[in-house]
Amino acid sequence: MQDVQTLVEKAKLAAEAARQSANDAAEAAAVAQTYAEQALQAAGHATGGMAAAGGGNDFIYLFSIFVLAIFVGYYVVWSVTPALHTPLMSVTNAISSVIIVGALLAVGAGAAVSGWAVSFGFVGLVLAAVNIFGGFLVTQRMLAMYKKKK
């Protein structure tokens, strides 16, 4: 009985650490957004204000956000300890739902920009959906380990 209580306490600690990691990831995303906006402003000033007026630099703006997202994702994923990986699967489901919203926006608004935006948005949508459903399967399997056997 004490082993179960110990596991429950460890799970609670892991969940709290996962929440903290999610908060850290949200802060990193906010910083990345700030950097992207500063980069856009710098590109607008360097090209005589064309980026601010939307004069053909939409690709640079979207590409800079993509590159910053890669860096943020890399540092968020690789800073997680292996003990917290499974509890964080539930948190990544929430993050992936935000990615799906962004992918839907890319598919819808991307049609006005180029066919590439629609293609990449669709690929992002499919990969995020796979991540969400896979995360639910892993979480369900993890929770099944704690059920009593009949």
Protein backbone atom coordinates (compact mmCIF):
# COMPACT_ATOMS: atom_id res chain seq x y z
CA MET A 1 0.00 0.00 0.00
CA GLN A 2 2.86 2.33 0.79
CA ASP A 3 4.37 1.64 -2.62
CA VAL A 4 1.19 2.90 -4.27
CA GLN A 5 1.20 6.01 -2.10
CA THR A 6 4.85 6.60 -2.96
CA LEU A 7 4.07 6.25 -6.66
CA VAL A 8 1.15 8.64 -6.33
CA GLU A 9 3.37 11.21 -4.59
CA LYS A 10 6.03 10.81 -7.29
CA ALA A 11 3.37 11.22 -9.96
CA LYS A 12 2.14 14.41 -8.29
CA LEU A 13 5.69 15.77 -8.17
CA ALA A 14 6.20 14.83 -11.81
CA ALA A 15 2.93 16.53 -12.77
CA GLU A 16 3.99 19.70 -10.94
CA ALA A 17 7.35 19.62 -12.70
CA ALA A 18 5.53 19.13 -16.01
CA ARG A 19 3.36 22.17 -15.30
CA GLN A 20 6.48 24.19 -14.55
CA SER A 21 8.10 23.00 -17.78
CA ALA A 22 4.97 23.98 -19.70
CA ASN A 23 5.06 27.44 -18.10
CA ASP A 24 8.74 27.75 -19.03
CA ALA A 25 7.89 26.75 -22.60
CA ALA A 26 5.15 29.38 -22.74
CA GLU A 27 7.59 32.03 -21.53
CA ALA A 28 10.13 30.91 -24.14
CA ALA A 29 7.47 31.13 -26.84
CA ALA A 30 6.60 34.67 -25.74
CA VAL A 31 10.27 35.65 -25.91
CA ALA A 32 10.53 34.05 -29.37
CA GLN A 33 7.49 36.04 -30.50
CA THR A 34 9.12 39.23 -29.24
CA TYR A 35 12.31 38.40 -31.14
CA ALA A 36 10.31 37.68 -34.29
CA GLU A 37 8.55 41.03 -34.03
CA GLN A 38 11.88 42.80 -33.50
CA ALA A 39 13.34 40.99 -36.50
CA LEU A 40 10.36 42.04 -38.59
CA GLN A 41 10.78 45.64 -37.52
CA ALA A 42 14.49 45.51 -38.31
CA ALA A 43 13.78 44.02 -41.74
CA GLY A 44 11.19 46.73 -42.34
CA HIS A 45 13.65 49.49 -41.49
CA ALA A 46 16.41 47.87 -43.55
CA THR A 47 14.25 47.65 -46.67
CA GLY A 48 12.77 51.10 -46.39
CA GLY A 49 9.56 50.05 -44.65
CA MET A 50 8.44 47.49 -47.21
CA ALA A 51 7.98 44.74 -44.59
CA ALA A 52 5.70 46.89 -42.47
CA ALA A 53 3.62 47.70 -45.54
CA GLY A 54 3.50 44.03 -46.58
CA GLY A 55 5.51 44.65 -49.72
CA GLY A 56 6.73 41.15 -50.50
CA ASN A 57 8.51 40.22 -47.27
CA ASP A 58 5.78 37.98 -45.91
CA PHE A 59 8.00 35.00 -46.60
CA ILE A 60 10.82 36.42 -44.48
CA TYR A 61 8.42 37.10 -41.61
CA LEU A 62 6.89 33.62 -41.70
CA PHE A 63 10.25 31.93 -42.19
CA SER A 64 11.75 33.77 -39.20
CA ILE A 65 8.88 32.59 -37.01
CA PHE A 66 9.43 29.04 -38.28
CA VAL A 67 13.17 29.14 -37.49
CA LEU A 68 12.56 30.58 -34.03
CA ALA A 69 9.96 27.88 -33.36
CA ILE A 70 12.54 25.23 -34.25
CA PHE A 71 15.00 26.63 -31.72
CA VAL A 72 12.39 26.98 -28.98
CA GLY A 73 11.10 23.46 -29.62
CA TYR A 74 14.59 22.01 -29.56
CA TYR A 75 15.51 23.59 -26.25
CA VAL A 76 12.16 22.75 -24.65
CA VAL A 77 12.23 19.09 -25.68
CA TRP A 78 15.87 18.36 -24.89
CA SER A 79 15.78 20.11 -21.50
CA VAL A 80 13.21 17.61 -20.18
CA THR A 81 14.60 14.86 -17.99
CA PRO A 82 13.67 11.29 -19.02
CA ALA A 83 11.69 10.76 -15.80
CA LEU A 84 9.29 13.52 -16.81
CA HIS A 85 8.87 12.47 -20.42
CA THR A 86 5.72 10.38 -20.02
CA PRO A 87 3.79 12.87 -17.83
CA LEU A 88 4.69 15.61 -20.30
CA MET A 89 2.95 13.71 -23.10
CA SER A 90 -0.34 15.07 -21.77
CA VAL A 91 1.04 18.60 -21.81
CA THR A 92 2.27 18.21 -25.38
CA ASN A 93 -1.27 17.36 -26.40
CA ALA A 94 -2.30 20.86 -25.35
CA ILE A 95 0.68 22.38 -27.14
CA SER A 96 -0.16 20.40 -30.27
CA SER A 97 -3.70 21.75 -30.20
CA VAL A 98 -2.21 25.25 -30.44
CA ILE A 99 -0.08 24.03 -33.36
CA ILE A 100 -3.22 22.76 -35.08
CA VAL A 101 -4.83 26.19 -34.76
CA GLY A 102 -1.72 27.75 -36.31
CA ALA A 103 -1.68 25.16 -39.08
CA LEU A 104 -5.33 25.83 -39.87
CA LEU A 105 -4.56 29.54 -40.06
CA ALA A 106 -1.63 28.80 -42.37
CA VAL A 107 -3.82 26.68 -44.62
CA GLY A 108 -6.61 29.29 -44.71
CA ALA A 109 -4.57 32.47 -44.92
CA GLY A 110 -1.73 30.84 -46.82
CA ALA A 111 -3.82 30.52 -49.96
CA ALA A 112 -3.46 34.27 -50.43
CA VAL A 113 0.33 34.08 -49.99
CA SER A 114 1.39 30.96 -51.88
CA GLY A 115 0.75 27.29 -52.42
CA TRP A 116 3.78 26.48 -50.27
CA ALA A 117 2.09 27.98 -47.20
CA VAL A 118 -0.92 25.76 -47.77
CA SER A 119 1.29 22.70 -48.23
CA PHE A 120 3.37 23.33 -45.12
CA GLY A 121 0.23 24.17 -43.13
CA PHE A 122 -1.34 20.88 -44.17
CA VAL A 123 1.82 18.93 -43.26
CA GLY A 124 1.89 20.70 -39.87
CA LEU A 125 -1.77 19.87 -39.36
CA VAL A 126 -1.23 16.17 -40.08
CA LEU A 127 1.89 15.90 -37.88
CA ALA A 128 0.24 17.69 -34.96
CA ALA A 129 -2.82 15.44 -35.24
CA VAL A 130 -0.59 12.36 -35.16
CA ASN A 131 1.18 13.81 -32.11
CA ILE A 132 -2.10 14.43 -30.28
CA PHE A 133 -3.57 10.99 -30.91
CA GLY A 134 -0.25 9.29 -30.16
CA GLY A 135 0.00 11.27 -26.93
CA PHE A 136 -3.46 10.13 -25.88
CA LEU A 137 -2.55 6.52 -26.60
CA VAL A 138 0.67 6.76 -24.58
CA THR A 139 -1.12 8.48 -21.69
CA GLN A 140 -3.87 5.85 -21.70
CA ARG A 141 -1.29 3.09 -21.68
CA MET A 142 0.60 4.77 -18.81
CA LEU A 143 -2.57 5.09 -16.76
CA ALA A 144 -3.45 1.45 -17.43
CA MET A 145 -0.20 0.47 -15.67
CA TYR A 146 -1.54 1.91 -12.41
CA LYS A 147 -4.88 0.06 -12.51
CA LYS A 148 -5.29 -2.96 -10.30
CA LYS A 149 -5.23 -6.26 -12.13
CA LYS A 150 -8.35 -8.38 -11.82
